[in-house]
């Protein structure tokens, strides 16, 4: 089945589809950027907070062994 549209309506339909495709693409890029940002924040938290806490815990365990 083919759509039989007047020229103007055909062009309008193409523009609408292209617009929706661009919006979807931007949303996809936004989600990817958000995921990258979350990963970056997590890696910074891992480096700045979690690793030192692990080292502190290891030091405490060593001190407990000595006591």
C-alpha atoms as a PDB file:
ATOM      1  CA  UNK A   1       0.000   0.000   0.000  1.00  0.00           C
ATOM      2  CA  UNK A   2       1.363   3.386  -0.941  1.00  0.00           C
ATOM      3  CA  UNK A   3       0.359   6.689   0.541  1.00  0.00           C
ATOM      4  CA  UNK A   4      -1.062   9.020  -2.031  1.00  0.00           C
ATOM      5  CA  UNK A   5      -0.462  12.448  -0.559  1.00  0.00           C
ATOM      6  CA  UNK A   6      -0.371  15.855  -2.159  1.00  0.00           C
ATOM      7  CA  UNK A   7       3.174  17.180  -2.542  1.00  0.00           C
ATOM      8  CA  UNK A   8       2.936  19.645   0.385  1.00  0.00           C
ATOM      9  CA  UNK A   9       1.594  17.003   2.751  1.00  0.00           C
ATOM     10  CA  UNK A  10       4.274  14.580   1.606  1.00  0.00           C
ATOM     11  CA  UNK A  11       7.010  17.134   2.394  1.00  0.00           C
ATOM     12  CA  UNK A  12       5.383  17.914   5.746  1.00  0.00           C
ATOM     13  CA  UNK A  13       5.294  14.213   6.625  1.00  0.00           C
ATOM     14  CA  UNK A  14       8.992  13.843   5.758  1.00  0.00           C
ATOM     15  CA  UNK A  15       9.862  16.869   7.924  1.00  0.00           C
ATOM     16  CA  UNK A  16       7.834  15.467  10.820  1.00  0.00           C
ATOM     17  CA  UNK A  17       9.562  12.093  10.603  1.00  0.00           C
ATOM     18  CA  UNK A  18      12.988  13.764  10.397  1.00  0.00           C
ATOM     19  CA  UNK A  19      12.155  15.922  13.402  1.00  0.00           C
ATOM     20  CA  UNK A  20      11.159  12.913  15.479  1.00  0.00           C
ATOM     21  CA  UNK A  21      14.311  11.092  14.403  1.00  0.00           C
ATOM     22  CA  UNK A  22      16.453  14.053  15.502  1.00  0.00           C
ATOM     23  CA  UNK A  23      14.647  14.225  18.856  1.00  0.00           C
ATOM     24  CA  UNK A  24      15.178  10.513  19.425  1.00  0.00           C
ATOM     25  CA  UNK A  25      18.828  10.825  18.423  1.00  0.00           C
ATOM     26  CA  UNK A  26      19.317  13.735  20.849  1.00  0.00           C
ATOM     27  CA  UNK A  27      17.655  11.761  23.635  1.00  0.00           C
ATOM     28  CA  UNK A  28      19.943   8.804  22.878  1.00  0.00           C
ATOM     29  CA  UNK A  29      22.990  11.081  22.944  1.00  0.00           C
ATOM     30  CA  UNK A  30      21.753  12.641  26.174  1.00  0.00           C
ATOM     31  CA  UNK A  31      21.364   9.226  27.775  1.00  0.00           C
ATOM     32  CA  UNK A  32      24.832   8.199  26.640  1.00  0.00           C
ATOM     33  CA  UNK A  33      26.304  11.438  27.976  1.00  0.00           C
ATOM     34  CA  UNK A  34      24.435  10.942  31.253  1.00  0.00           C
ATOM     35  CA  UNK A  35      25.769   7.393  31.539  1.00  0.00           C
ATOM     36  CA  UNK A  36      29.311   8.629  30.832  1.00  0.00           C
ATOM     37  CA  UNK A  37      28.890  11.315  33.481  1.00  0.00           C
ATOM     38  CA  UNK A  38      27.620   8.765  36.008  1.00  0.00           C
ATOM     39  CA  UNK A  39      30.587   6.512  35.229  1.00  0.00           C
ATOM     40  CA  UNK A  40      32.989   9.428  35.638  1.00  0.00           C
ATOM     41  CA  UNK A  41      31.441  10.449  38.965  1.00  0.00           C
ATOM     42  CA  UNK A  42      31.530   6.859  40.206  1.00  0.00           C
ATOM     43  CA  UNK A  43      35.174   6.414  39.200  1.00  0.00           C
ATOM     44  CA  UNK A  44      36.058   9.641  41.024  1.00  0.00           C
ATOM     45  CA  UNK A  45      34.162   8.463  44.113  1.00  0.00           C
ATOM     46  CA  UNK A  46      35.909   5.102  43.825  1.00  0.00           C
ATOM     47  CA  UNK A  47      39.295   6.808  43.635  1.00  0.00           C
ATOM     48  CA  UNK A  48      38.695   9.530  46.233  1.00  0.00           C
ATOM     49  CA  UNK A  49      36.556   7.714  48.813  1.00  0.00           C
ATOM     50  CA  UNK A  50      36.235   3.968  48.422  1.00  0.00           C
ATOM     51  CA  UNK A  51      39.904   3.086  47.819  1.00  0.00           C
ATOM     52  CA  UNK A  52      41.137   5.081  50.846  1.00  0.00           C
ATOM     53  CA  UNK A  53      38.435   3.428  52.981  1.00  0.00           C
ATOM     54  CA  UNK A  54      39.592   0.008  51.827  1.00  0.00           C
ATOM     55  CA  UNK A  55      43.184   0.930  52.680  1.00  0.00           C
ATOM     56  CA  UNK A  56      42.069   2.219  56.082  1.00  0.00           C
ATOM     57  CA  UNK A  57      40.206  -1.027  56.675  1.00  0.00           C
ATOM     58  CA  UNK A  58      43.293  -3.023  55.710  1.00  0.00           C
ATOM     59  CA  UNK A  59      45.410  -0.965  58.098  1.00  0.00           C
ATOM     60  CA  UNK A  60      42.881  -1.533  60.900  1.00  0.00           C
ATOM     61  CA  UNK A  61      42.933  -5.272  60.215  1.00  0.00           C
ATOM     62  CA  UNK A  62      46.729  -5.276  60.418  1.00  0.00           C
ATOM     63  CA  UNK A  63      46.613  -3.346  63.709  1.00  0.00           C
ATOM     64  CA  UNK A  64      44.078  -5.835  65.124  1.00  0.00           C
ATOM     65  CA  UNK A  65      46.393  -8.697  64.178  1.00  0.00           C
ATOM     66  CA  UNK A  66      49.240  -7.040  66.054  1.00  0.00           C
ATOM     67  CA  UNK A  67      47.148  -6.526  69.192  1.00  0.00           C
END
